[in-house]
Protein backbone atom coordinates (compact mmCIF):
# COMPACT_ATOMS: atom_id res chain seq x y z
CA MET A 1 74.00 -27.85 30.59
CA LYS A 2 74.12 -24.80 28.56
CA ILE A 3 77.50 -24.19 30.68
CA LEU A 4 79.31 -26.93 29.79
CA ILE A 5 78.35 -26.53 26.13
CA LEU A 6 80.21 -23.09 26.46
CA SER A 7 82.96 -24.40 28.18
CA LEU A 8 83.44 -26.74 25.90
CA LEU A 9 83.50 -23.86 23.23
CA ALA A 10 86.00 -22.68 25.06
CA LEU A 11 88.27 -25.45 25.01
CA ALA A 12 88.74 -25.97 21.48
CA ALA A 13 88.93 -23.03 20.75
CA SER A 14 91.90 -22.54 23.51
CA VAL A 15 93.26 -26.09 21.37
CA PHE A 16 93.29 -24.43 17.96
CA LEU A 17 94.27 -21.33 18.95
CA ALA A 18 96.99 -23.00 20.69
CA LEU A 19 98.16 -25.18 17.48
CA MET A 20 97.52 -22.61 15.46
CA VAL A 21 100.53 -20.53 16.87
CA GLN A 22 103.09 -23.71 18.27
CA ASN A 23 104.82 -23.61 14.50
CA ASP A 24 103.88 -19.53 14.34
CA ASN A 25 102.86 -17.01 16.92
CA GLY A 26 103.70 -13.73 14.44
CA TYR A 27 105.28 -10.92 14.46
CA MET A 28 103.94 -7.61 16.05
CA LEU A 29 105.71 -3.50 15.74
CA ILE A 30 103.56 -0.73 16.72
CA GLY A 31 106.00 2.60 16.90
CA TYR A 32 104.56 6.09 18.55
CA GLY A 33 107.11 8.64 18.33
CA GLU A 34 110.55 7.56 19.38
CA TRP A 35 108.38 4.66 21.04
CA THR A 36 108.83 1.19 20.04
CA ILE A 37 106.31 -1.99 20.95
CA GLU A 38 107.18 -5.42 19.16
CA GLY A 39 106.46 -8.74 20.56
CA SER A 40 104.26 -11.81 19.27
CA LEU A 41 101.01 -11.31 18.14
CA ALA A 42 99.99 -14.57 19.76
CA PHE A 43 100.95 -12.50 23.02
CA PHE A 44 99.25 -9.02 21.57
CA MET A 45 96.12 -11.11 20.84
CA LEU A 46 95.71 -12.87 24.41
CA MET A 47 96.09 -8.84 26.30
CA ASN A 48 94.00 -7.69 24.42
CA LEU A 49 91.42 -10.17 25.46
CA VAL A 50 92.69 -9.57 29.01
CA VAL A 51 92.16 -6.40 28.85
CA PHE A 52 88.51 -6.35 27.25
CA ALA A 53 87.53 -8.05 29.64
CA VAL A 54 88.89 -5.94 32.77
CA ILE A 55 86.76 -3.78 30.56
CA TYR A 56 83.85 -5.66 30.64
CA PHE A 57 83.77 -6.85 34.01
CA LEU A 58 84.91 -3.31 35.32
CA LEU A 59 81.20 -1.14 34.06
CA ARG A 60 79.14 -4.52 34.63
CA PHE A 61 80.30 -3.86 37.93
CA ILE A 62 79.97 0.04 37.96
CA SER A 63 76.57 -0.40 36.62
CA ARG A 64 75.13 -2.86 39.11
CA VAL A 65 76.96 -0.62 41.81
CA TRP A 66 74.75 3.21 40.56
CA ALA A 67 71.70 0.94 40.61
CA MET A 68 71.71 -0.82 43.48
CA PRO A 69 69.57 2.34 44.87
CA ASP A 70 66.37 1.15 42.78
CA GLN A 71 66.75 -2.70 42.57
CA ILE A 72 66.87 -2.15 46.90
CA HIS A 73 63.80 -0.37 46.39
CA SER A 74 62.22 -2.61 43.77
CA TRP A 75 62.73 -5.09 45.89
CA ARG A 76 61.87 -3.55 49.51
CA ILE A 77 57.87 -3.24 47.41
CA LYS A 78 58.02 -7.09 46.33
CA ARG A 79 58.66 -8.25 50.11
CA GLY A 80 56.19 -5.98 50.90
CA ALA A 81 53.82 -6.88 48.22
CA ARG A 82 54.13 -10.45 49.27
CA ARG A 83 54.06 -9.91 53.20
CA SER A 84 50.83 -8.42 52.22
CA ARG A 85 49.06 -10.92 50.21
CA LYS A 86 50.06 -13.21 52.83
CA ALA A 87 48.34 -11.21 56.09
CA LEU A 88 45.23 -10.68 53.28
CA SER A 89 44.86 -13.63 53.48
CA GLN A 90 45.07 -14.40 57.09
CA GLY A 91 42.87 -11.50 57.22
CA LEU A 92 39.84 -12.71 54.97
CA MET A 93 40.30 -16.64 56.82
CA GLU A 94 40.28 -15.16 60.16
CA LEU A 95 37.33 -12.63 59.22
CA SER A 96 35.12 -15.82 58.14
CA GLU A 97 36.07 -17.81 61.41
CA GLY A 98 34.42 -14.33 63.03
CA SER A 99 38.09 -13.38 64.28
CA TRP A 100 37.06 -9.48 64.17
CA LYS A 101 40.01 -8.20 66.06
CA HIS A 102 43.01 -10.40 64.61
CA ALA A 103 40.96 -10.04 61.30
CA GLU A 104 41.11 -5.99 61.25
CA ARG A 105 44.72 -5.87 62.91
CA ASN A 106 46.37 -8.22 59.79
CA LEU A 107 44.19 -6.56 57.26
CA ILE A 108 44.79 -3.25 58.21
CA ARG A 109 48.87 -4.13 58.55
CA PHE A 110 50.42 -4.02 55.66
CA ALA A 111 47.47 -2.37 53.84
CA GLY A 112 49.86 0.25 52.44
CA ASN A 113 51.97 -2.34 50.59
CA SER A 114 49.22 -4.00 49.31
CA GLU A 115 48.47 -4.66 45.89
CA THR A 116 44.44 -4.37 46.32
CA PRO A 117 44.33 -1.63 49.26
CA MET A 118 41.17 -1.32 48.49
CA LEU A 119 40.15 -5.11 49.64
CA ASN A 120 42.13 -4.35 52.81
CA TYR A 121 40.12 -1.53 53.90
CA LEU A 122 36.90 -2.87 52.83
CA ALA A 123 37.07 -6.36 55.30
CA ALA A 124 38.26 -4.15 57.56
CA ALA A 125 35.28 -2.00 57.53
CA ARG A 126 33.67 -4.93 57.55
CA SER A 127 35.83 -6.28 60.54
CA ALA A 128 35.56 -2.66 63.18
CA GLN A 129 31.37 -2.86 62.25
CA GLN A 130 31.30 -6.67 63.76
CA GLN A 131 33.29 -4.66 67.11
CA GLY A 132 30.93 -1.71 66.99
CA ALA A 133 33.54 0.51 66.37
CA TYR A 134 31.77 2.78 63.11
CA ASP A 135 33.92 5.60 63.63
CA ARG A 136 36.99 3.28 62.90
CA ARG A 137 34.76 1.59 60.14
CA ASP A 138 34.07 4.98 58.47
CA GLU A 139 37.58 5.42 58.70
CA TYR A 140 37.82 2.62 56.55
CA LEU A 141 35.95 3.03 54.31
CA GLN A 142 37.01 6.56 53.05
CA LEU A 143 40.68 4.94 53.06
CA ALA A 144 38.59 2.38 50.26
CA HIS A 145 37.94 5.57 48.67
CA GLU A 146 41.24 7.57 48.28
CA SER A 147 42.81 4.08 47.44
CA MET A 148 40.70 3.82 44.42
CA PRO A 149 38.37 6.84 43.45
CA SER A 150 37.28 5.05 40.84
CA ALA A 151 35.71 2.17 43.13
CA ASP A 152 33.01 4.76 43.84
CA VAL A 153 29.99 1.94 42.87
CA ALA A 154 32.20 -0.62 45.18
CA VAL A 155 32.91 1.53 48.33
CA GLY A 156 29.10 2.61 48.56
CA LEU A 157 27.50 -0.73 48.28
CA THR A 158 29.77 -1.68 51.55
CA GLN A 159 28.74 1.29 53.11
CA ALA A 160 25.43 1.32 52.41
CA GLU A 161 25.46 -2.83 53.62
CA LEU A 162 26.83 -2.35 57.04
CA GLN A 163 24.74 0.79 57.36
CA LEU A 164 22.12 -1.27 56.59
CA GLU A 165 23.03 -4.22 58.82
CA HIS A 166 23.38 -1.41 61.65
CA HIS A 167 19.75 0.04 61.10
CA GLN A 168 20.71 3.46 60.24
CA MET A 169 18.45 4.12 57.80
CA GLU A 170 18.97 7.60 56.78
CA GLN A 171 22.80 7.18 56.53
CA ALA A 172 21.70 4.14 54.45
CA LEU A 173 19.32 5.91 52.86
CA ALA A 174 21.73 9.28 51.12
CA THR A 175 23.79 6.71 50.16
CA LEU A 176 22.00 4.33 47.84
CA LYS A 177 21.02 8.01 46.86
CA HIS A 178 23.85 8.89 45.76
CA LEU A 179 24.98 5.49 44.11
CA ARG A 180 22.13 5.56 42.17
CA GLY A 181 22.79 8.50 40.79
CA ILE A 182 26.21 6.82 39.82
CA ALA A 183 25.20 4.40 39.09
CA PRO A 184 21.14 4.25 38.03
CA ARG A 185 21.08 0.50 35.95
CA HIS A 186 22.68 -1.36 38.69
CA THR A 187 20.79 -4.09 39.97
CA HIS A 188 22.70 -4.50 43.52
CA VAL A 189 21.57 -0.88 44.41
CA LEU A 190 18.11 -0.46 43.57
CA LYS A 191 16.89 -3.80 45.84
CA LEU A 192 18.84 -1.96 48.50
CA LEU A 193 17.02 0.43 47.70
CA LYS A 194 13.30 -1.51 47.41
CA GLU A 195 14.43 -3.42 50.84
CA LEU A 196 14.58 -0.35 52.43
CA TYR A 197 11.99 1.42 50.71
CA GLU A 198 9.83 -1.56 52.11
CA HIS A 199 11.27 -0.93 55.31
CA LEU A 200 10.55 2.08 55.46
CA ASP A 201 7.20 1.67 54.42
CA ASP A 202 7.39 4.61 51.48
CA TRP A 203 5.45 3.30 49.17
CA GLN A 204 5.38 6.58 47.08
CA ALA A 205 8.76 5.94 46.73
CA LEU A 206 8.61 2.02 45.81
CA GLY A 207 6.18 2.47 42.96
CA GLU A 208 8.38 5.26 41.42
CA LEU A 209 11.59 2.77 41.67
CA LEU A 210 9.26 0.07 40.28
CA PRO A 211 9.67 0.56 36.68
CA ASP A 212 12.98 0.12 37.38
CA LEU A 213 12.70 -2.68 38.71
CA LYS A 214 11.18 -4.09 35.90
CA LYS A 215 13.40 -2.79 33.43
CA GLN A 216 16.45 -3.98 34.54
CA LYS A 217 15.08 -7.45 36.20
CA VAL A 218 15.07 -6.65 39.48
CA ILE A 219 12.80 -8.67 40.62
CA ASP A 220 10.94 -12.09 38.93
CA ARG A 221 7.26 -12.21 38.43
CA ASP A 222 5.87 -13.33 41.33
CA GLU A 223 8.12 -11.03 43.46
CA GLN A 224 6.53 -8.23 41.39
CA LYS A 225 3.06 -8.57 41.53
CA LYS A 226 3.34 -9.73 45.32
CA LEU A 227 4.84 -6.24 45.17
CA GLU A 228 2.14 -4.28 42.89
CA PHE A 229 -0.42 -5.94 45.50
CA ASN A 230 1.44 -4.59 49.12
CA LEU A 231 1.54 -0.97 46.83
CA PHE A 232 -2.28 -1.09 45.97
CA HIS A 233 -3.07 -1.72 49.17
CA ASN A 234 -1.23 0.67 50.76
CA GLN A 235 -2.59 3.44 48.08
CA LEU A 236 -6.55 1.93 49.67
CA THR A 237 -5.27 2.18 52.73
CA ARG A 238 -4.47 5.73 52.58
CA ALA A 239 -7.14 6.72 50.44
CA ALA A 240 -9.71 5.03 53.40
CA GLN A 241 -8.06 7.25 55.56
CA ASP A 242 -8.52 10.30 53.74
CA GLU A 243 -11.41 13.02 54.78
CA ASP A 244 -12.68 12.66 51.16
CA PRO A 245 -15.44 10.06 50.82
CA LEU A 246 -14.34 10.05 47.25
CA GLN A 247 -10.88 9.31 47.53
CA LEU A 248 -11.23 5.42 48.28
CA HIS A 249 -13.91 5.53 45.20
CA ARG A 250 -11.14 7.78 42.91
CA VAL A 251 -8.44 5.34 43.74
CA TRP A 252 -10.00 2.18 42.91
CA LYS A 253 -10.77 3.38 39.38
CA SER A 254 -7.61 4.08 38.92
CA LEU A 255 -6.26 0.72 39.63
CA PRO A 256 -5.15 -1.74 37.16
CA ARG A 257 -8.55 -4.00 36.01
CA GLN A 258 -6.78 -7.15 36.37
CA ILE A 259 -6.20 -6.17 39.97
CA ARG A 260 -9.34 -5.02 40.49
CA LEU A 261 -10.75 -8.38 39.59
CA GLY A 262 -8.99 -9.96 41.73
CA GLU A 263 -10.40 -11.79 45.05
CA GLU A 264 -7.62 -10.92 47.66
CA MET A 265 -7.83 -7.30 46.33
CA VAL A 266 -11.43 -6.95 45.79
CA THR A 267 -11.69 -7.95 49.50
CA ILE A 268 -9.19 -5.11 50.71
CA PHE A 269 -12.15 -2.85 49.02
CA VAL A 270 -15.07 -4.20 49.87
CA ASN A 271 -14.30 -3.86 53.58
CA TYR A 272 -13.53 -0.39 53.76
CA LEU A 273 -17.25 -0.09 52.39
CA ILE A 274 -19.08 -2.07 54.43
CA ASN A 275 -16.83 0.06 57.68
CA ARG A 276 -18.30 2.86 55.21
CA GLN A 277 -21.66 1.12 55.28
CA ASP A 278 -22.00 1.65 51.41
CA ASN A 279 -23.64 -1.40 51.33
CA GLU A 280 -25.39 -1.31 47.64
CA GLN A 281 -21.61 -0.51 46.27
CA VAL A 282 -20.46 -3.27 48.02
CA GLU A 283 -23.00 -5.39 46.33
CA LYS A 284 -22.32 -4.58 42.92
CA ILE A 285 -18.22 -5.23 42.74
CA LEU A 286 -18.88 -8.66 44.62
CA ARG A 287 -21.67 -9.10 42.23
CA GLU A 288 -19.61 -8.32 39.00
CA ALA A 289 -16.01 -9.68 40.65
CA ILE A 290 -17.87 -13.49 41.30
CA ASN A 291 -18.89 -13.08 37.69
CA GLN A 292 -15.25 -12.50 36.06
CA HIS A 293 -14.22 -14.84 38.31
CA TRP A 294 -15.72 -17.50 40.75
CA SER A 295 -14.19 -17.42 44.53
CA ASP A 296 -15.67 -18.81 47.49
CA ASP A 297 -14.87 -16.87 49.63
CA LEU A 298 -16.28 -13.71 47.84
CA VAL A 299 -19.77 -15.25 47.26
CA GLU A 300 -19.91 -15.91 51.68
CA LEU A 301 -18.83 -12.59 51.46
CA TYR A 302 -21.87 -11.71 49.31
CA GLY A 303 -23.99 -13.66 51.71
CA ARG A 304 -23.24 -10.83 54.59
CA VAL A 305 -24.02 -7.96 52.46
CA ILE A 306 -27.60 -6.25 53.55
CA SER A 307 -28.67 -4.74 51.12
CA SER A 308 -31.36 -2.50 50.51
CA ASP A 309 -32.68 -4.98 46.98
CA SER A 310 -32.44 -8.04 49.13
CA PRO A 311 -34.81 -9.88 46.61
CA ARG A 312 -33.07 -8.59 43.27
CA GLN A 313 -29.58 -10.20 45.45
CA LEU A 314 -31.23 -13.43 46.15
CA THR A 315 -32.30 -13.83 42.02
CA ALA A 316 -29.01 -12.65 41.58
CA ALA A 317 -27.47 -15.90 43.50
CA GLU A 318 -29.94 -17.77 42.20
CA ASP A 319 -28.27 -17.41 38.51
CA TRP A 320 -25.41 -18.90 39.59
CA LEU A 321 -26.88 -22.24 40.83
CA THR A 322 -26.75 -22.78 37.47
CA ALA A 323 -23.55 -23.41 36.84
CA TYR A 324 -22.57 -24.53 40.73
CA PRO A 325 -25.47 -26.40 41.78
CA LYS A 326 -24.20 -28.10 44.54
CA ASN A 327 -21.76 -25.81 46.56
CA PRO A 328 -21.76 -25.72 49.43
CA VAL A 329 -20.68 -22.46 50.11
CA LEU A 330 -23.44 -20.91 47.77
CA LEU A 331 -25.97 -22.72 49.20
CA PHE A 332 -25.33 -21.68 52.42
CA THR A 333 -25.00 -17.90 50.53
CA LEU A 334 -28.48 -18.65 49.46
CA GLY A 335 -30.24 -19.44 52.93
CA ARG A 336 -28.26 -16.00 54.27
CA LEU A 337 -30.09 -14.61 51.32
CA CYS A 338 -33.64 -16.07 52.08
CA LEU A 339 -33.34 -15.56 55.67
CA GLN A 340 -33.18 -11.81 55.04
CA ASN A 341 -35.68 -11.91 52.74
CA LYS A 342 -38.04 -13.54 55.39
CA LEU A 343 -38.13 -17.04 53.53
CA TRP A 344 -37.77 -18.92 55.81
CA GLY A 345 -38.43 -22.71 54.47
CA LYS A 346 -36.36 -21.83 51.04
CA ALA A 347 -34.08 -20.80 53.95
CA ARG A 348 -33.67 -23.51 56.10
CA SER A 349 -33.53 -25.91 52.37
CA TYR A 350 -30.77 -24.07 51.06
CA LEU A 351 -28.83 -24.38 54.75
CA GLU A 352 -29.96 -28.49 55.61
CA ALA A 353 -28.23 -28.58 51.77
CA SER A 354 -25.04 -26.78 52.48
CA ILE A 355 -24.78 -29.43 55.04
CA GLY A 356 -25.73 -32.11 53.49
CA ILE A 357 -22.79 -31.36 50.94
CA GLY A 358 -20.07 -30.20 53.38
CA PRO A 359 -20.87 -29.61 56.40
CA SER A 360 -19.41 -25.98 58.86
CA ALA A 361 -19.87 -24.51 62.14
CA SER A 362 -21.84 -21.32 60.12
CA ALA A 363 -24.50 -23.06 58.50
CA TYR A 364 -24.59 -25.34 61.34
CA ARG A 365 -25.42 -21.79 63.65
CA GLU A 366 -27.59 -20.06 61.09
CA LEU A 367 -29.96 -23.91 60.50
CA GLY A 368 -29.91 -23.27 64.44
CA ALA A 369 -30.58 -20.40 64.92
CA LEU A 370 -33.66 -20.74 62.01
CA LEU A 371 -34.67 -24.43 63.79
CA GLU A 372 -34.99 -22.37 67.53
CA ARG A 373 -37.19 -19.38 66.21
CA MET A 374 -39.47 -21.90 64.93
CA GLY A 375 -39.76 -23.27 67.91
CA GLU A 376 -38.14 -26.78 67.50
CA GLN A 377 -35.99 -26.48 70.14
CA VAL A 378 -34.26 -30.00 69.97
CA GLN A 379 -32.95 -30.07 66.01
CA ALA A 380 -31.30 -26.30 67.33
CA MET A 381 -29.71 -28.11 69.64
CA ILE A 382 -28.23 -30.88 67.39
CA CYS A 383 -27.06 -28.37 65.37
CA PHE A 384 -25.35 -25.78 67.62
CA LYS A 385 -23.74 -29.03 68.88
CA SER A 386 -22.97 -30.68 65.84
CA GLY A 387 -21.40 -26.85 64.97
CA LEU A 388 -19.20 -27.32 68.54
CA GLU A 389 -18.22 -30.70 66.88
CA LEU A 390 -16.62 -29.22 63.53
CA LYS A 391 -14.68 -26.50 65.06
CA SER A 392 -12.90 -28.66 68.22
CA ASP A 393 -9.93 -30.10 67.65
CA THR A 394 -10.33 -32.09 71.16
CA PRO A 395 -12.53 -35.80 71.13
CA LEU A 396 -14.91 -36.01 73.46
CA LEU A 397 -14.80 -37.70 76.87
CA GLU A 398 -15.83 -41.82 76.60
CA LEU A 399 -19.44 -41.09 78.85
CA PRO A 400 -21.25 -43.91 80.95
CA ALA A 401 -24.32 -44.93 78.89
CA SER A 402 -26.58 -43.88 81.28
CA LEU A 403 -25.53 -40.95 84.14
CA ASN A 404 -26.36 -41.31 87.92
CA LEU A 405 -28.21 -38.19 89.12
CA HIS A 406 -29.85 -39.28 92.26
CA ASN A 407 -27.65 -37.11 93.83
CA SER A 408 -27.19 -33.85 91.60
CA LYS A 409 -28.34 -30.62 93.06
CA LEU A 410 -29.44 -29.95 88.95
CA GLU A 411 -32.30 -31.11 87.61
CA ALA A 412 -32.21 -31.34 83.41
CA PRO A 413 -34.58 -30.03 81.47
CA MET A 414 -34.73 -31.79 78.74
CA ASP A 415 -35.57 -35.99 78.01
CA VAL A 416 -32.33 -35.31 76.29
CA ALA A 417 -30.49 -34.67 80.11
CA ARG A 418 -31.52 -37.47 81.83
CA GLY A 419 -29.73 -39.87 79.64
CA ALA A 420 -32.24 -40.54 76.76
CA ASN A 421 -31.35 -40.85 73.07
CA PRO A 422 -32.51 -37.42 70.89
CA PRO A 423 -34.07 -37.32 67.55
CA LYS A 424 -31.68 -37.72 64.28
CA LEU A 425 -31.20 -34.23 62.39
CA GLU A 426 -32.82 -35.19 58.94
CA ILE A 427 -30.49 -33.25 56.26
CA ILE A 428 -31.51 -33.21 53.05
CA ALA A 429 -29.72 -34.32 49.93
CA ALA A 430 -29.10 -30.95 47.38
CA ASP A 431 -30.08 -32.94 44.55
CA GLN A 432 -33.89 -33.84 46.82
CA ALA A 433 -33.53 -30.17 48.38
CA LEU A 434 -33.98 -27.74 45.21
CA PRO A 435 -37.19 -29.10 43.90
CA ALA A 436 -38.47 -28.91 47.03
CA MET A 437 -37.20 -25.08 47.53
CA GLU A 438 -38.35 -24.53 43.77
CA SER A 439 -41.81 -25.06 44.29
CA GLU A 440 -41.53 -23.33 48.04
CA ALA A 441 -40.27 -20.50 46.39
CA LYS A 442 -43.28 -19.69 43.95
CA ALA A 443 -45.56 -20.09 47.37
CA SER A 444 -43.09 -18.29 49.12
CA SER A 445 -41.66 -15.86 47.03
CA PRO A 446 -41.84 -12.13 48.21
CA ARG A 447 -44.31 -10.08 46.30
C-alpha cells in the first residue's frame, strides 16, 4: 500500500512537471573560461536528478559491500544461536525421557553458540552422571562455571546434588561448605547440608546448623521438633557411653525443661538409668514427669522400677488414683507395686480391677503368677489362658465337646483335661474392688 501511494505521488509530480515545461522549458547557460554549456532548464534538472540517483545508489552499494563481512558474521551468530536453541530443547526433552547419550550429544553440540551455555553444560553434566561418566560430568561442570563465573551458586548446587546422588559424601560436604561461605543464607544450601549431616550422623555439626535452619525457615515446626529430639537423643546416647558416670546427668540437666518433660525423652533417659541400676533416680524422674503430664506408658514403666523405698513409691502411685480411679494401667501398676510390698490380697484386688476395666496380657500374667503361688492352680491356669488368647491373633479350632482319651498314652493330671468345665475366674469390677482394697490396706499395710 505504501509503495502504491508513493508511485501515485511520483506519477502526479511527473505530470505536473511535464505540463509546466510543455509551453516553456526554460533556458540555462553555464560558462567557465572558454567553455560554455547551454541548454534547456528542464533537461538540466532531469540530468541533475539522474546524477543524484546514480551517486546515491553507488554509495549505497559501496556501503553494503563494506559492511558485508560484519553482516555475514552477524548472520552466522544468529544462525548458530537458532540451532543452539533447537538443540537445547531437543536435549532437554531427551534428558526427561531418559535418553542420556543422545541428550548429552545434543546439549554440547552447539553449546558454544548458545545464549545460555551454562544451562547446556549443567544439563549435559546430569546426562553424563546417569551414564556413569563422572570425569565428563566434572568437565561439564567446570565449563559451566567458566561460561558464567557469576553463577557459582547454581553450578555448585548442581555439583553437590550430583555428588550426593553418587554417594560422594566428602566431596559433597566440601562443595556445600564452599557454597555456604558464598551464600550463607541460601535455603537450598542449608537444606542439602542438613540432609548430608543426617546421613553422616554428624549431630554436632547438625546442632551448629540448627539455628540457621530455624532462622531461614528451611524446616517447618514439626520437622524442627523432630530434629531437636534426634539431637538431644544423640547427646544422651553419647553421654551414656561416656566413662564419666555424671556426664549423663549433666547432659540431661542441660536439656530444655520442655524436652525433659516429654514422654519419649523421659523414657530414653530412664532406660539408660535402669541399665546403670540407678533405680532411685529413675523413680524420682518418672514421678515428676507423671505429675507434670500424665502418660500411661510412664505409669506402666513406674510400676517396673524397684525402689529401696517401695512403700513411698506405692503411696505416690495411690495418690494418682484420686484423679484416675478407673485407669487400667494405673491399677495394673498398683498391683505390681503391691506385689513388691508383699501385699498379696491388695495386689490381687488391683489386678482384678485392672482386668475388669481393660484386660491386658501383662495383668493376666501377673495375676496368674500370684494365684499360682497362692495355690489356686485352676484359677491361675484360667488367667494364663486368657492372657494367651489376648496375645494371639489366630482363632481357636473348634473341638468336640468331649474327647475320647482311652487310646491315649497320656493321662490328664486334672479334671479339666478330661473335659470337665473349669470354674470361671471372677473379676471384680473397679467400683467394687476399690472399697475392699481400702479396708484391706488398713490391715495389711507394711509397718
